[in-house]
C-alpha atoms as a PDB file:
ATOM      1  CA  MET A   1      87.748 -89.731 124.702  1.00  0.00           C
ATOM      2  CA  SER A   2      84.649 -91.678 123.746  1.00  0.00           C
ATOM      3  CA  MET A   3      83.609 -94.611 125.963  1.00  0.00           C
ATOM      4  CA  PRO A   4      81.468 -97.478 125.249  1.00  0.00           C
ATOM      5  CA  ALA A   5      77.581 -96.828 124.398  1.00  0.00           C
ATOM      6  CA  GLU A   6      76.342 -99.127 127.451  1.00  0.00           C
ATOM      7  CA  ARG A   7      77.471 -96.568 130.017  1.00  0.00           C
ATOM      8  CA  THR A   8      74.647 -95.746 132.228  1.00  0.00           C
ATOM      9  CA  PRO A   9      73.267 -92.080 131.944  1.00  0.00           C
ATOM     10  CA  VAL A  10      73.183 -89.751 134.875  1.00  0.00           C
ATOM     11  CA  THR A  11      71.090 -86.727 135.143  1.00  0.00           C
ATOM     12  CA  VAL A  12      71.873 -84.159 137.863  1.00  0.00           C
ATOM     13  CA  LEU A  13      69.185 -82.004 139.111  1.00  0.00           C
ATOM     14  CA  THR A  14      70.048 -78.798 140.267  1.00  0.00           C
ATOM     15  CA  GLY A  15      68.587 -75.347 141.395  1.00  0.00           C
ATOM     16  CA  TYR A  16      68.256 -72.745 144.413  1.00  0.00           C
ATOM     17  CA  LEU A  17      66.035 -73.305 147.242  1.00  0.00           C
ATOM     18  CA  GLY A  18      62.132 -73.618 146.267  1.00  0.00           C
ATOM     19  CA  SER A  19      62.639 -73.571 142.715  1.00  0.00           C
ATOM     20  CA  GLY A  20      61.038 -76.839 142.087  1.00  0.00           C
ATOM     21  CA  LYS A  21      63.631 -79.628 141.690  1.00  0.00           C
ATOM     22  CA  THR A  22      61.417 -82.503 143.889  1.00  0.00           C
ATOM     23  CA  THR A  23      58.379 -81.389 141.669  1.00  0.00           C
ATOM     24  CA  LEU A  24      60.436 -82.226 138.700  1.00  0.00           C
ATOM     25  CA  LEU A  25      62.016 -85.547 140.209  1.00  0.00           C
ATOM     26  CA  ASN A  26      58.581 -86.286 140.809  1.00  0.00           C
ATOM     27  CA  ARG A  27      57.318 -85.783 137.537  1.00  0.00           C
ATOM     28  CA  ILE A  28      59.735 -88.161 136.309  1.00  0.00           C
ATOM     29  CA  LEU A  29      59.282 -90.920 138.456  1.00  0.00           C
ATOM     30  CA  THR A  30      55.256 -90.650 137.670  1.00  0.00           C
ATOM     31  CA  VAL A  31      55.074 -90.194 133.952  1.00  0.00           C
ATOM     32  CA  LYS A  32      54.651 -93.352 132.023  1.00  0.00           C
ATOM     33  CA  HIS A  33      58.108 -93.218 129.691  1.00  0.00           C
ATOM     34  CA  GLY A  34      58.887 -96.897 130.239  1.00  0.00           C
ATOM     35  CA  LYS A  35      62.279 -96.344 132.254  1.00  0.00           C
ATOM     36  CA  LYS A  36      63.472 -97.263 135.512  1.00  0.00           C
ATOM     37  CA  TYR A  37      65.497 -94.867 137.623  1.00  0.00           C
ATOM     38  CA  ALA A  38      67.921 -94.892 140.740  1.00  0.00           C
ATOM     39  CA  VAL A  39      67.388 -92.041 142.607  1.00  0.00           C
ATOM     40  CA  ILE A  40      69.942 -90.246 144.842  1.00  0.00           C
ATOM     41  CA  VAL A  41      68.802 -87.413 146.984  1.00  0.00           C
ATOM     42  CA  ASN A  42      70.985 -85.300 149.175  1.00  0.00           C
ATOM     43  CA  GLU A  43      69.535 -82.816 151.556  1.00  0.00           C
ATOM     44  CA  PHE A  44      71.722 -80.478 153.757  1.00  0.00           C
ATOM     45  CA  GLY A  45      70.949 -81.162 157.488  1.00  0.00           C
ATOM     46  CA  GLU A  46      71.339 -84.008 160.072  1.00  0.00           C
ATOM     47  CA  VAL A  47      67.656 -84.846 159.489  1.00  0.00           C
ATOM     48  CA  GLY A  48      66.366 -85.520 155.748  1.00  0.00           C
ATOM     49  CA  ILE A  49      62.833 -84.730 154.402  1.00  0.00           C
ATOM     50  CA  ASP A  50      63.570 -84.753 150.969  1.00  0.00           C
ATOM     51  CA  ASN A  51      63.245 -88.352 150.862  1.00  0.00           C
ATOM     52  CA  ASP A  52      59.692 -88.331 152.345  1.00  0.00           C
ATOM     53  CA  LEU A  53      58.758 -85.774 149.511  1.00  0.00           C
ATOM     54  CA  ILE A  54      59.279 -88.121 146.855  1.00  0.00           C
ATOM     55  CA  VAL A  55      56.378 -89.913 145.459  1.00  0.00           C
ATOM     56  CA  ASP A  56      55.742 -93.566 146.536  1.00  0.00           C
ATOM     57  CA  ALA A  57      57.393 -95.045 143.417  1.00  0.00           C
ATOM     58  CA  ASP A  58      59.467 -98.291 142.643  1.00  0.00           C
ATOM     59  CA  GLU A  59      62.575 -96.574 141.858  1.00  0.00           C
ATOM     60  CA  GLU A  60      65.431 -97.106 144.364  1.00  0.00           C
ATOM     61  CA  VAL A  61      65.916 -93.813 146.279  1.00  0.00           C
ATOM     62  CA  PHE A  62      69.102 -93.458 148.375  1.00  0.00           C
ATOM     63  CA  GLU A  63      69.572 -90.310 150.896  1.00  0.00           C
ATOM     64  CA  MET A  64      72.573 -88.399 151.975  1.00  0.00           C
ATOM     65  CA  ASN A  65      71.894 -86.196 154.595  1.00  0.00           C
ATOM     66  CA  ASN A  66      75.124 -85.816 156.444  1.00  0.00           C
ATOM     67  CA  GLY A  67      76.340 -83.026 154.108  1.00  0.00           C
ATOM     68  CA  CYS A  68      76.371 -81.244 151.146  1.00  0.00           C
ATOM     69  CA  ILE A  69      76.828 -83.231 148.100  1.00  0.00           C
ATOM     70  CA  CYS A  70      79.146 -80.789 146.654  1.00  0.00           C
ATOM     71  CA  CYS A  71      81.457 -81.026 149.862  1.00  0.00           C
ATOM     72  CA  THR A  72      81.759 -83.816 152.406  1.00  0.00           C
ATOM     73  CA  VAL A  73      79.776 -86.601 150.648  1.00  0.00           C
ATOM     74  CA  ARG A  74      81.683 -86.893 147.083  1.00  0.00           C
ATOM     75  CA  GLY A  75      82.985 -90.234 148.746  1.00  0.00           C
ATOM     76  CA  ASP A  76      79.219 -91.279 149.808  1.00  0.00           C
ATOM     77  CA  LEU A  77      78.064 -90.380 146.114  1.00  0.00           C
ATOM     78  CA  ILE A  78      81.040 -92.758 144.401  1.00  0.00           C
ATOM     79  CA  ARG A  79      80.121 -95.756 146.832  1.00  0.00           C
ATOM     80  CA  ILE A  80      76.262 -95.337 146.230  1.00  0.00           C
ATOM     81  CA  ILE A  81      77.098 -95.303 142.408  1.00  0.00           C
ATOM     82  CA  GLU A  82      79.607 -98.126 142.508  1.00  0.00           C
ATOM     83  CA  GLY A  83      76.831-100.189 144.597  1.00  0.00           C
ATOM     84  CA  LEU A  84      74.254 -99.387 141.704  1.00  0.00           C
ATOM     85  CA  MET A  85      76.698-100.536 139.178  1.00  0.00           C
ATOM     86  CA  ARG A  86      76.438-104.187 140.929  1.00  0.00           C
ATOM     87  CA  ARG A  87      72.613-104.148 140.171  1.00  0.00           C
ATOM     88  CA  ARG A  88      72.726-102.014 136.962  1.00  0.00           C
ATOM     89  CA  ASP A  89      70.005-104.464 135.473  1.00  0.00           C
ATOM     90  CA  ARG A  90      67.513-103.228 137.576  1.00  0.00           C
ATOM     91  CA  PHE A  91      67.408 -99.723 136.243  1.00  0.00           C
ATOM     92  CA  ASP A  92      67.809 -97.898 132.969  1.00  0.00           C
ATOM     93  CA  ALA A  93      69.495 -94.309 134.269  1.00  0.00           C
ATOM     94  CA  ILE A  94      70.467 -92.338 137.434  1.00  0.00           C
ATOM     95  CA  LEU A  95      68.884 -89.325 138.819  1.00  0.00           C
ATOM     96  CA  VAL A  96      70.855 -87.254 141.309  1.00  0.00           C
ATOM     97  CA  GLU A  97      69.038 -84.679 142.868  1.00  0.00           C
ATOM     98  CA  THR A  98      71.044 -82.050 144.980  1.00  0.00           C
ATOM     99  CA  THR A  99      70.542 -79.666 147.858  1.00  0.00           C
ATOM    100  CA  GLY A 100      69.638 -76.171 146.719  1.00  0.00           C
ATOM    101  CA  LEU A 101      72.635 -75.015 148.183  1.00  0.00           C
ATOM    102  CA  ALA A 102      75.062 -77.382 146.195  1.00  0.00           C
ATOM    103  CA  ASP A 103      77.527 -76.111 143.902  1.00  0.00           C
ATOM    104  CA  PRO A 104      76.925 -79.040 140.749  1.00  0.00           C
ATOM    105  CA  ALA A 105      80.769 -78.760 139.575  1.00  0.00           C
ATOM    106  CA  PRO A 106      82.048 -81.394 142.357  1.00  0.00           C
ATOM    107  CA  VAL A 107      78.953 -83.627 141.384  1.00  0.00           C
ATOM    108  CA  ALA A 108      79.877 -83.075 137.615  1.00  0.00           C
ATOM    109  CA  GLN A 109      83.481 -84.021 138.429  1.00  0.00           C
ATOM    110  CA  THR A 110      82.688 -87.086 140.186  1.00  0.00           C
ATOM    111  CA  PHE A 111      81.905 -88.882 136.845  1.00  0.00           C
ATOM    112  CA  PHE A 112      85.171 -88.268 135.638  1.00  0.00           C
ATOM    113  CA  VAL A 113      87.600 -88.164 138.456  1.00  0.00           C
ATOM    114  CA  ASP A 114      86.786 -91.659 139.571  1.00  0.00           C
ATOM    115  CA  GLU A 115      87.775 -94.302 137.021  1.00  0.00           C
ATOM    116  CA  ASP A 116      85.522 -97.012 138.231  1.00  0.00           C
ATOM    117  CA  VAL A 117      82.461 -94.661 138.132  1.00  0.00           C
ATOM    118  CA  ARG A 118      83.907 -93.023 134.717  1.00  0.00           C
ATOM    119  CA  THR A 119      84.045 -96.525 132.885  1.00  0.00           C
ATOM    120  CA  LYS A 120      80.402 -97.451 133.918  1.00  0.00           C
ATOM    121  CA  THR A 121      78.317 -94.087 133.795  1.00  0.00           C
ATOM    122  CA  ARG A 122      78.083 -90.745 131.647  1.00  0.00           C
ATOM    123  CA  LEU A 123      77.063 -87.608 132.746  1.00  0.00           C
ATOM    124  CA  ASP A 124      74.187 -86.922 130.336  1.00  0.00           C
ATOM    125  CA  ALA A 125      73.048 -83.187 131.557  1.00  0.00           C
ATOM    126  CA  ILE A 126      72.953 -80.931 134.478  1.00  0.00           C
ATOM    127  CA  ILE A 127      69.456 -79.550 134.774  1.00  0.00           C
ATOM    128  CA  THR A 128      68.825 -76.559 136.827  1.00  0.00           C
ATOM    129  CA  VAL A 129      65.458 -75.315 138.051  1.00  0.00           C
ATOM    130  CA  VAL A 130      64.990 -71.918 138.700  1.00  0.00           C
ATOM    131  CA  ASP A 131      62.137 -69.743 139.647  1.00  0.00           C
ATOM    132  CA  ALA A 132      60.995 -67.364 137.034  1.00  0.00           C
ATOM    133  CA  LYS A 133      59.521 -64.971 139.898  1.00  0.00           C
ATOM    134  CA  HIS A 134      61.949 -64.882 142.276  1.00  0.00           C
ATOM    135  CA  LEU A 135      65.220 -65.700 140.314  1.00  0.00           C
ATOM    136  CA  LEU A 136      66.122 -62.112 139.727  1.00  0.00           C
ATOM    137  CA  GLY A 137      66.603 -61.285 143.244  1.00  0.00           C
ATOM    138  CA  GLU A 138      68.039 -64.549 144.132  1.00  0.00           C
ATOM    139  CA  LEU A 139      70.881 -63.871 141.876  1.00  0.00           C
ATOM    140  CA  ASP A 140      71.499 -60.704 143.451  1.00  0.00           C
ATOM    141  CA  LYS A 141      71.867 -62.257 146.794  1.00  0.00           C
ATOM    142  CA  ALA A 142      73.161 -66.134 146.504  1.00  0.00           C
ATOM    143  CA  HIS A 143      76.105 -66.803 144.524  1.00  0.00           C
ATOM    144  CA  GLU A 144      75.062 -70.493 144.493  1.00  0.00           C
ATOM    145  CA  ALA A 145      71.981 -69.582 142.237  1.00  0.00           C
ATOM    146  CA  GLN A 146      74.281 -67.990 139.710  1.00  0.00           C
ATOM    147  CA  GLU A 147      76.864 -71.081 139.621  1.00  0.00           C
ATOM    148  CA  GLN A 148      73.832 -73.463 139.274  1.00  0.00           C
ATOM    149  CA  LEU A 149      72.933 -71.504 136.136  1.00  0.00           C
ATOM    150  CA  ALA A 150      76.640 -71.489 134.949  1.00  0.00           C
ATOM    151  CA  PHE A 151      76.925 -75.023 134.968  1.00  0.00           C
ATOM    152  CA  ALA A 152      73.760 -75.961 133.532  1.00  0.00           C
ATOM    153  CA  ASP A 153      73.189 -77.753 130.060  1.00  0.00           C
ATOM    154  CA  ILE A 154      69.488 -77.329 130.520  1.00  0.00           C
ATOM    155  CA  VAL A 155      67.656 -74.413 132.349  1.00  0.00           C
ATOM    156  CA  LEU A 156      63.994 -75.229 133.121  1.00  0.00           C
ATOM    157  CA  LEU A 157      62.898 -71.622 133.417  1.00  0.00           C
ATOM    158  CA  ASN A 158      60.004 -72.783 136.189  1.00  0.00           C
ATOM    159  CA  LYS A 159      56.851 -70.852 137.444  1.00  0.00           C
ATOM    160  CA  THR A 160      56.376 -68.817 134.477  1.00  0.00           C
ATOM    161  CA  ASP A 161      52.688 -68.636 135.141  1.00  0.00           C
ATOM    162  CA  LEU A 162      53.657 -66.273 137.979  1.00  0.00           C
ATOM    163  CA  VAL A 163      55.245 -63.526 135.601  1.00  0.00           C
ATOM    164  CA  SER A 164      54.214 -61.577 132.742  1.00  0.00           C
ATOM    165  CA  ALA A 165      55.801 -62.344 129.228  1.00  0.00           C
ATOM    166  CA  GLU A 166      57.822 -59.294 129.697  1.00  0.00           C
ATOM    167  CA  GLU A 167      58.871 -60.159 132.962  1.00  0.00           C
ATOM    168  CA  GLN A 168      59.625 -63.551 131.739  1.00  0.00           C
ATOM    169  CA  LYS A 169      61.843 -62.092 128.639  1.00  0.00           C
ATOM    170  CA  GLN A 170      64.085 -59.851 131.296  1.00  0.00           C
ATOM    171  CA  VAL A 171      64.686 -63.410 133.325  1.00  0.00           C
ATOM    172  CA  GLU A 172      65.692 -65.055 130.009  1.00  0.00           C
ATOM    173  CA  GLU A 173      68.147 -62.163 129.171  1.00  0.00           C
ATOM    174  CA  ARG A 174      69.652 -62.381 132.738  1.00  0.00           C
ATOM    175  CA  ILE A 175      70.086 -66.037 132.388  1.00  0.00           C
ATOM    176  CA  ARG A 176      71.726 -65.507 128.897  1.00  0.00           C
ATOM    177  CA  ARG A 177      74.273 -63.167 130.512  1.00  0.00           C
ATOM    178  CA  ILE A 178      75.236 -65.857 133.202  1.00  0.00           C
ATOM    179  CA  ASN A 179      75.112 -68.769 130.666  1.00  0.00           C
ATOM    180  CA  PRO A 180      74.938 -68.212 126.705  1.00  0.00           C
ATOM    181  CA  THR A 181      75.343 -72.067 125.867  1.00  0.00           C
ATOM    182  CA  ALA A 182      72.416 -73.611 128.022  1.00  0.00           C
ATOM    183  CA  ALA A 183      68.945 -74.552 126.278  1.00  0.00           C
ATOM    184  CA  ILE A 184      66.116 -72.790 128.093  1.00  0.00           C
ATOM    185  CA  HIS A 185      62.667 -74.037 128.463  1.00  0.00           C
ATOM    186  CA  GLY A 186      59.851 -72.338 130.202  1.00  0.00           C
ATOM    187  CA  THR A 187      57.670 -74.358 132.398  1.00  0.00           C
ATOM    188  CA  GLU A 188      54.730 -74.294 134.907  1.00  0.00           C
ATOM    189  CA  ARG A 189      55.055 -77.054 137.547  1.00  0.00           C
ATOM    190  CA  CYS A 190      57.879 -78.233 135.756  1.00  0.00           C
ATOM    191  CA  GLY A 191      55.465 -79.595 133.348  1.00  0.00           C
ATOM    192  CA  ILE A 192      57.632 -80.356 130.220  1.00  0.00           C
ATOM    193  CA  ASP A 193      57.977 -83.176 127.593  1.00  0.00           C
ATOM    194  CA  LEU A 194      60.708 -85.429 129.154  1.00  0.00           C
ATOM    195  CA  GLU A 195      62.476 -86.196 125.882  1.00  0.00           C
ATOM    196  CA  LYS A 196      63.655 -82.793 125.744  1.00  0.00           C
ATOM    197  CA  ILE A 197      65.646 -82.848 128.977  1.00  0.00           C
ATOM    198  CA  LEU A 198      66.408 -86.744 129.621  1.00  0.00           C
ATOM    199  CA  GLU A 199      69.203 -88.605 127.566  1.00  0.00           C
ATOM    200  CA  ARG A 200      69.816 -85.843 125.464  1.00  0.00           C
ATOM    201  CA  ASN A 201      73.856 -86.306 125.814  1.00  0.00           C
ATOM    202  CA  ALA A 202      73.480 -82.396 126.748  1.00  0.00           C
ATOM    203  CA  PHE A 203      76.757 -82.447 128.712  1.00  0.00           C
ATOM    204  CA  ASP A 204      78.795 -84.010 125.711  1.00  0.00           C
ATOM    205  CA  LEU A 205      79.976 -81.334 123.630  1.00  0.00           C
ATOM    206  CA  ASP A 206      81.137 -83.855 120.896  1.00  0.00           C
ATOM    207  CA  ARG A 207      77.244 -84.681 120.417  1.00  0.00           C
ATOM    208  CA  ILE A 208      75.944 -81.148 120.673  1.00  0.00           C
ATOM    209  CA  LEU A 209      78.336 -80.095 117.976  1.00  0.00           C
ATOM    210  CA  GLU A 210      77.418 -83.149 115.780  1.00  0.00           C
ATOM    211  CA  VAL A 211      74.008 -82.000 115.864  1.00  0.00           C
ATOM    212  CA  GLU A 212      74.513 -78.243 116.003  1.00  0.00           C
ATOM    213  CA  PRO A 213      77.617 -77.311 114.492  1.00  0.00           C
ATOM    214  CA  ASP A 214      77.223 -74.185 114.791  1.00  0.00           C
ATOM    215  CA  PHE A 215      76.572 -74.139 118.589  1.00  0.00           C
ATOM    216  CA  LEU A 216      79.541 -71.972 119.421  1.00  0.00           C
ATOM    217  CA  ASP A 217      78.916 -69.407 116.769  1.00  0.00           C
ATOM    218  CA  VAL A 218      76.923 -66.874 118.340  1.00  0.00           C
ATOM    219  CA  PHE A 219      78.168 -65.964 121.495  1.00  0.00           C
ATOM    220  CA  HIS A 220      80.010 -62.901 122.462  1.00  0.00           C
ATOM    221  CA  GLU A 221      81.327 -61.247 125.250  1.00  0.00           C
ATOM    222  CA  HIS A 222      78.696 -60.266 128.069  1.00  0.00           C
ATOM    223  CA  GLU A 223      79.646 -57.308 129.927  1.00  0.00           C
ATOM    224  CA  HIS A 224      77.970 -57.049 133.370  1.00  0.00           C
ATOM    225  CA  ASP A 225      78.305 -56.593 137.175  1.00  0.00           C
ATOM    226  CA  ASP A 226      77.399 -60.438 137.736  1.00  0.00           C
ATOM    227  CA  HIS A 227      79.171 -62.380 139.868  1.00  0.00           C
ATOM    228  CA  VAL A 228      79.490 -64.977 137.363  1.00  0.00           C
ATOM    229  CA  THR A 229      80.240 -63.726 133.796  1.00  0.00           C
ATOM    230  CA  SER A 230      81.026 -65.297 130.438  1.00  0.00           C
ATOM    231  CA  PHE A 231      82.939 -64.392 127.343  1.00  0.00           C
ATOM    232  CA  SER A 232      84.350 -66.008 124.188  1.00  0.00           C
ATOM    233  CA  LEU A 233      87.582 -66.122 122.326  1.00  0.00           C
ATOM    234  CA  VAL A 234      87.880 -66.355 118.276  1.00  0.00           C
ATOM    235  CA  THR A 235      90.439 -66.652 115.777  1.00  0.00           C
ATOM    236  CA  LYS A 236      90.323 -67.604 112.318  1.00  0.00           C
ATOM    237  CA  ASP A 237      94.163 -68.156 112.337  1.00  0.00           C
ATOM    238  CA  PRO A 238      95.311 -71.998 112.900  1.00  0.00           C
ATOM    239  CA  LEU A 239      96.355 -72.644 116.410  1.00  0.00           C
ATOM    240  CA  ASP A 240      99.768 -74.510 117.144  1.00  0.00           C
ATOM    241  CA  SER A 241      98.879 -77.694 119.158  1.00  0.00           C
ATOM    242  CA  GLN A 242     102.364 -77.706 120.799  1.00  0.00           C
ATOM    243  CA  LYS A 243     101.613 -74.193 122.060  1.00  0.00           C
ATOM    244  CA  PHE A 244      97.972 -74.239 123.041  1.00  0.00           C
ATOM    245  CA  MET A 245      98.204 -77.762 125.142  1.00  0.00           C
ATOM    246  CA  PRO A 246     100.640 -76.325 127.832  1.00  0.00           C
ATOM    247  CA  TRP A 247      98.892 -73.134 127.789  1.00  0.00           C
ATOM    248  CA  ILE A 248      95.440 -74.247 128.315  1.00  0.00           C
ATOM    249  CA  GLY A 249      96.646 -76.731 130.782  1.00  0.00           C
ATOM    250  CA  MET A 250      98.465 -73.585 132.678  1.00  0.00           C
ATOM    251  CA  ILE A 251      95.132 -71.703 132.509  1.00  0.00           C
ATOM    252  CA  THR A 252      92.793 -74.352 133.876  1.00  0.00           C
ATOM    253  CA  GLN A 253      95.300 -74.911 136.958  1.00  0.00           C
ATOM    254  CA  HIS A 254      95.837 -71.156 137.336  1.00  0.00           C
ATOM    255  CA  PHE A 255      92.145 -70.369 137.304  1.00  0.00           C
ATOM    256  CA  GLY A 256      90.704 -73.696 137.744  1.00  0.00           C
ATOM    257  CA  MET A 257      88.592 -72.906 140.754  1.00  0.00           C
ATOM    258  CA  ASP A 258      86.970 -69.743 139.138  1.00  0.00           C
ATOM    259  CA  ILE A 259      86.268 -71.570 135.524  1.00  0.00           C
ATOM    260  CA  LEU A 260      83.168 -72.680 136.207  1.00  0.00           C
ATOM    261  CA  ARG A 261      82.682 -74.353 132.622  1.00  0.00           C
ATOM    262  CA  MET A 262      84.788 -74.174 129.451  1.00  0.00           C
ATOM    263  CA  LYS A 263      84.144 -75.443 126.199  1.00  0.00           C
ATOM    264  CA  GLY A 264      85.242 -74.877 122.609  1.00  0.00           C
ATOM    265  CA  ILE A 265      86.375 -76.218 119.181  1.00  0.00           C
ATOM    266  CA  LEU A 266      89.625 -75.724 117.556  1.00  0.00           C
ATOM    267  CA  ALA A 267      91.444 -76.099 114.395  1.00  0.00           C
ATOM    268  CA  PHE A 268      94.987 -76.800 114.531  1.00  0.00           C
ATOM    269  CA  LYS A 269      97.608 -76.140 111.770  1.00  0.00           C
ATOM    270  CA  GLU A 270      98.357 -79.264 109.904  1.00  0.00           C
ATOM    271  CA  ASP A 271      95.261 -81.380 111.348  1.00  0.00           C
ATOM    272  CA  ASN A 272      92.697 -82.205 109.355  1.00  0.00           C
ATOM    273  CA  ASP A 273      90.135 -82.908 112.490  1.00  0.00           C
ATOM    274  CA  ARG A 274      88.108 -80.346 114.531  1.00  0.00           C
ATOM    275  CA  PHE A 275      89.427 -80.795 118.353  1.00  0.00           C
ATOM    276  CA  VAL A 276      86.596 -80.679 120.936  1.00  0.00           C
ATOM    277  CA  VAL A 277      88.141 -79.154 124.698  1.00  0.00           C
ATOM    278  CA  GLN A 278      85.940 -78.584 127.745  1.00  0.00           C
ATOM    279  CA  ALA A 279      86.842 -78.307 131.371  1.00  0.00           C
ATOM    280  CA  VAL A 280      84.947 -78.008 134.853  1.00  0.00           C
ATOM    281  CA  HIS A 281      87.170 -76.395 136.962  1.00  0.00           C
ATOM    282  CA  MET A 282      90.552 -77.657 136.909  1.00  0.00           C
ATOM    283  CA  LEU A 283      89.291 -81.037 135.436  1.00  0.00           C
ATOM    284  CA  LEU A 284      90.254 -80.680 131.392  1.00  0.00           C
ATOM    285  CA  GLU A 285      89.726 -82.960 129.080  1.00  0.00           C
ATOM    286  CA  GLY A 286      89.601 -82.938 125.029  1.00  0.00           C
ATOM    287  CA  ASP A 287      89.973 -85.091 121.902  1.00  0.00           C
ATOM    288  CA  HIS A 288      89.596 -84.962 118.245  1.00  0.00           C
ATOM    289  CA  GLN A 289      86.016 -84.992 116.858  1.00  0.00           C
ATOM    290  CA  ARG A 290      85.809 -85.133 113.254  1.00  0.00           C
ATOM    291  CA  PRO A 291      87.249 -84.044 109.885  1.00  0.00           C
ATOM    292  CA  TRP A 292      86.605 -80.219 108.936  1.00  0.00           C
ATOM    293  CA  LYS A 293      84.037 -80.321 106.119  1.00  0.00           C
ATOM    294  CA  GLU A 294      85.377 -78.806 102.932  1.00  0.00           C
ATOM    295  CA  ASP A 295      82.899 -76.095 103.074  1.00  0.00           C
ATOM    296  CA  GLU A 296      83.419 -75.269 106.765  1.00  0.00           C
ATOM    297  CA  GLU A 297      85.459 -72.323 107.712  1.00  0.00           C
ATOM    298  CA  ARG A 298      88.264 -73.372 110.296  1.00  0.00           C
ATOM    299  CA  VAL A 299      87.957 -71.149 113.037  1.00  0.00           C
ATOM    300  CA  SER A 300      88.697 -71.891 116.686  1.00  0.00           C
ATOM    301  CA  ARG A 301      86.395 -70.739 119.467  1.00  0.00           C
ATOM    302  CA  LEU A 302      86.678 -70.804 123.303  1.00  0.00           C
ATOM    303  CA  VAL A 303      83.854 -70.065 125.834  1.00  0.00           C
ATOM    304  CA  PHE A 304      84.489 -69.085 129.292  1.00  0.00           C
ATOM    305  CA  ILE A 305      81.911 -69.209 132.135  1.00  0.00           C
ATOM    306  CA  GLY A 306      83.172 -68.228 135.190  1.00  0.00           C
ATOM    307  CA  ARG A 307      83.720 -66.203 138.176  1.00  0.00           C
ATOM    308  CA  ASN A 308      85.983 -62.786 137.831  1.00  0.00           C
ATOM    309  CA  LEU A 309      88.083 -64.226 134.988  1.00  0.00           C
ATOM    310  CA  ARG A 310      90.933 -62.297 133.641  1.00  0.00           C
ATOM    311  CA  LYS A 311      89.854 -61.977 130.223  1.00  0.00           C
ATOM    312  CA  ASP A 312      92.605 -59.859 128.777  1.00  0.00           C
ATOM    313  CA  ILE A 313      95.197 -62.312 130.437  1.00  0.00           C
ATOM    314  CA  ILE A 314      93.594 -65.429 129.084  1.00  0.00           C
ATOM    315  CA  GLU A 315      92.707 -63.907 125.523  1.00  0.00           C
ATOM    316  CA  ASP A 316      96.582 -62.425 125.287  1.00  0.00           C
ATOM    317  CA  GLY A 317      97.684 -66.288 125.889  1.00  0.00           C
ATOM    318  CA  PHE A 318      95.183 -67.909 123.173  1.00  0.00           C
ATOM    319  CA  LEU A 319      95.962 -65.536 120.576  1.00  0.00           C
ATOM    320  CA  ALA A 320      99.746 -66.386 121.390  1.00  0.00           C
ATOM    321  CA  CYS A 321      98.756 -69.914 120.507  1.00  0.00           C
ATOM    322  CA  ARG A 322      98.444 -69.125 116.973  1.00  0.00           C
ATOM    323  CA  ALA A 323     100.611 -70.869 114.487  1.00  0.00           C
END
């Protein structure tokens, strides 16, 4: 399912209220990196102020303040992007900053479900900024904070100067319990080498597995009471593609609204290529990646991150797909 390399990269900046998203956005716009960005800012409310908080830069800033970007304004997002594509020679990449109350999933899905947007852009990463001092309290009160972490490809653990080393460790462990696959970077005032977060192809699982073949090897089931949980399924037995494809389609349709992210690599019987699959809610995609290496153990692995998922039902179905 690869697309032409010239597609414009899009980075989604999300994070709960007060985490530092606008600070990160301003940093991206002011650091000298030689890139031009088109910026789409969404604020929940009739009167927007985020646009006024963004530094005076040459970048084009589009503000959507007639609703939450994950709900009523997806059409606006598509129209803005389509308009940008008619002037794509004026910028190198697109930044989308969501409101602190946004669910990132519909934003991510926009870059797959609209054919025109899909062919001209590629979702590079969902970056979630979190407040190291207040995250643990927010997770207990706001499901949005948990879901923003669950969708993250990269987490900026911001305001680390306000917590002790032990407190920071506890916060990182809690993040890992929700999302075992995201890269975590500790920051103060969102200070980070931008090469670590921009144009990383972090949303592209094919790319991740090329760079880190063992990316999905180390994750195990996480038992806890969080609103969002994660677990992994593993089998060394080859899978039957004729069984797996209908099953995974059924699973994403049945549990789709509760599946925040799903990603995996699969070994099918009589197939010499690794198969990569991932889903956001009910949006499912997969394709062959590369041939299995001779010294590579052919193990199938799926990682699910979601809300109140029935691991027993999903695991039974997964194992029933063995050849």
